[in-house]
Protein backbone atom coordinates (compact mmCIF):
# COMPACT_ATOMS: atom_id res chain seq x y z
CA MET A 1 -15.90 16.83 -8.12
CA SER A 2 -16.80 13.13 -8.40
CA ILE A 3 -14.41 10.13 -8.56
CA ASN A 4 -15.22 7.42 -11.05
CA SER A 5 -13.56 4.04 -10.48
CA ASN A 6 -12.27 1.71 -13.00
CA ASP A 7 -12.80 -1.86 -11.81
CA GLU A 8 -9.94 -3.33 -13.81
CA THR A 9 -7.22 -4.72 -11.76
CA VAL A 10 -3.98 -6.13 -13.36
CA SER A 11 -1.73 -8.48 -11.40
CA LYS A 12 0.64 -10.34 -13.72
CA GLU A 13 4.30 -9.41 -12.74
CA ARG A 14 5.99 -11.99 -10.38
CA LEU A 15 9.32 -11.23 -8.56
CA LEU A 16 11.17 -12.29 -5.58
CA LEU A 17 12.00 -9.76 -2.82
CA GLY A 18 14.78 -11.75 -0.99
CA ASP A 19 13.41 -15.20 -0.89
CA MET A 20 9.56 -14.25 -0.60
CA PRO A 21 7.67 -14.63 -4.12
CA ILE A 22 5.75 -11.43 -4.65
CA ARG A 23 3.59 -10.11 -7.26
CA ALA A 24 2.90 -6.55 -8.71
CA ARG A 25 -0.66 -5.23 -8.68
CA ILE A 26 -1.73 -2.23 -10.55
CA VAL A 27 -4.46 -0.58 -8.48
CA PRO A 28 -6.88 1.78 -10.12
CA ILE A 29 -8.02 4.29 -7.74
CA GLY A 30 -10.24 6.31 -9.98
CA SER A 31 -10.46 9.63 -12.00
CA ILE A 32 -11.00 13.11 -10.89
CA ASP A 33 -11.08 16.16 -13.31
CA ASP A 34 -10.40 13.79 -16.07
CA ILE A 35 -7.10 12.70 -14.57
CA SER A 36 -6.96 8.99 -13.94
CA TYR A 37 -4.88 7.79 -10.80
CA ASN A 38 -3.47 4.41 -10.25
CA VAL A 39 -0.53 2.90 -8.27
CA THR A 40 1.56 -0.27 -8.39
CA ILE A 41 2.01 -2.20 -5.20
CA TYR A 42 3.80 -5.47 -4.43
CA GLU A 43 2.14 -8.21 -2.31
CA MET A 44 2.96 -11.48 -1.05
CA GLU A 45 1.96 -14.12 -3.53
CA GLN A 46 1.13 -16.80 -1.15
CA ALA A 47 -0.55 -14.97 1.74
CA CYS A 48 -3.29 -17.39 2.19
CA ASN A 49 -0.89 -19.77 3.62
CA LEU A 50 0.38 -17.24 6.16
CA MET A 51 -3.14 -16.30 6.84
CA GLU A 52 -4.18 -19.94 7.58
CA THR A 53 -1.15 -20.17 9.98
CA TRP A 54 -1.95 -17.02 11.74
CA TYR A 55 -5.85 -18.40 12.27
CA SER A 56 -4.60 -21.67 13.58
CA SER A 57 -1.90 -20.44 15.99
CA SER A 58 -2.08 -18.63 19.34
CA SER A 59 -1.20 -15.06 19.51
CA SER A 60 2.30 -15.76 21.08
CA GLU A 61 3.13 -18.15 18.30
CA SER A 62 2.40 -15.34 15.66
CA ASN A 63 4.20 -12.70 17.58
CA GLY A 64 0.83 -10.84 17.61
CA LEU A 65 1.63 -9.84 13.98
CA ASP A 66 -1.28 -9.31 11.71
CA PRO A 67 -0.73 -11.03 8.34
CA PHE A 68 -3.43 -9.39 6.38
CA GLY A 69 -1.49 -6.28 5.29
CA VAL A 70 0.69 -8.44 3.03
CA VAL A 71 -1.79 -8.09 0.22
CA MET A 72 -3.76 -4.95 -0.97
CA TRP A 73 -6.96 -4.16 0.95
CA PRO A 74 -10.23 -2.74 -0.78
CA GLY A 75 -10.32 -0.10 2.19
CA SER A 76 -7.08 1.38 1.08
CA ILE A 77 -8.73 2.27 -2.38
CA LEU A 78 -11.60 4.23 -0.64
CA ALA A 79 -8.93 5.95 1.70
CA SER A 80 -6.92 6.95 -1.27
CA ARG A 81 -10.02 8.33 -3.09
CA GLU A 82 -10.51 10.58 -0.06
CA LEU A 83 -6.83 11.58 -0.21
CA ILE A 84 -7.41 12.77 -3.92
CA GLN A 85 -10.36 14.68 -3.07
CA HIS A 86 -8.22 16.56 -0.62
CA SER A 87 -5.07 16.76 -2.82
CA LYS A 88 -4.69 20.56 -2.36
CA GLU A 89 -4.60 19.99 1.45
CA ILE A 90 -1.84 17.47 1.02
CA GLN A 91 0.45 19.33 -1.09
CA ASN A 92 3.86 20.15 0.68
CA GLN A 93 2.45 18.58 3.94
CA THR A 94 3.70 15.54 5.77
CA VAL A 95 1.14 12.75 5.81
CA VAL A 96 0.97 9.77 8.24
CA VAL A 97 -0.55 6.70 7.13
CA LEU A 98 -1.52 4.26 9.95
CA GLY A 99 -1.60 0.46 9.04
CA ALA A 100 -0.10 1.36 5.82
CA GLY A 101 0.24 -2.28 4.54
CA THR A 102 1.18 -2.42 0.97
CA GLY A 103 1.44 1.34 0.66
CA VAL A 104 -1.63 2.32 -1.59
CA GLU A 105 -2.41 5.39 0.45
CA GLY A 106 1.19 6.34 0.82
CA GLN A 107 1.76 6.22 -2.79
CA ILE A 108 -1.17 8.35 -3.62
CA ALA A 109 -0.19 10.82 -0.84
CA ALA A 110 3.21 11.16 -2.71
CA LYS A 111 1.47 11.64 -5.99
CA MET A 112 -0.65 14.38 -4.68
CA GLY A 113 2.42 16.15 -3.66
CA ALA A 114 3.21 15.45 -0.09
CA LYS A 115 6.80 16.46 0.86
CA LYS A 116 6.92 13.48 3.31
CA VAL A 117 4.85 10.29 3.77
CA ILE A 118 5.34 8.29 6.83
CA CYS A 119 3.87 4.83 6.53
CA LEU A 120 3.49 2.94 9.84
CA ASP A 121 2.78 -0.85 10.25
CA ASN A 122 3.47 -3.45 12.78
CA ASN A 123 4.44 -6.05 10.39
CA PRO A 124 7.95 -6.13 9.02
CA THR A 125 6.95 -7.83 5.80
CA CYS A 126 4.33 -5.21 5.05
CA LEU A 127 7.12 -2.67 5.44
CA LYS A 128 9.44 -4.48 3.20
CA LEU A 129 6.76 -4.69 0.40
CA LEU A 130 5.70 -1.05 0.98
CA GLN A 131 9.29 0.20 0.68
CA PHE A 132 9.91 -1.80 -2.29
CA GLY A 133 6.97 -0.54 -3.91
CA ALA A 134 8.02 3.05 -2.99
CA HIS A 135 11.36 2.45 -4.47
CA MET A 136 9.88 1.09 -7.69
CA ALA A 137 7.64 4.09 -8.01
CA GLY A 138 10.56 6.57 -7.41
CA TYR A 139 9.31 7.74 -4.02
CA ASP A 140 12.29 6.79 -1.90
CA ASP A 141 12.84 10.39 -1.07
CA ILE A 142 9.15 10.91 -0.11
CA MET A 143 8.08 7.67 1.49
CA GLU A 144 9.46 6.45 4.79
CA SER A 145 8.29 3.23 6.47
CA ARG A 146 8.49 2.71 10.14
CA GLY A 147 7.46 -0.19 12.47
CA THR A 148 5.01 0.55 15.22
């Protein structure tokens, strides 16, 4: 059982989440047993400004919040590929995702048949993006976001 990745990533749809400009990104996870897996996540459009502010401020000014989860991380693709490899163990189970960011792993766990996916992150903006993505994917009843 091997996973083949498709390097094509599409990021075109732009929206507002409240007053925050966001964009949709289709994240290709890979193929297994001739089935291709991808998820659509939503990320902050101007994240570089937030990151620059974080770099230049003290930890007390930033409330200690890590701004990097407001965009999709490549490591989430690797973690999602591992989840696909263990899809039989995930079915009908509760899955907890630590540092869930935009929700790539959470959506894959939901696709793999998890009965509940609890997504944890310390950044409220990440949780808003994640919950919006879960809603758009139809996983409201499966995915739950919680602050840490």
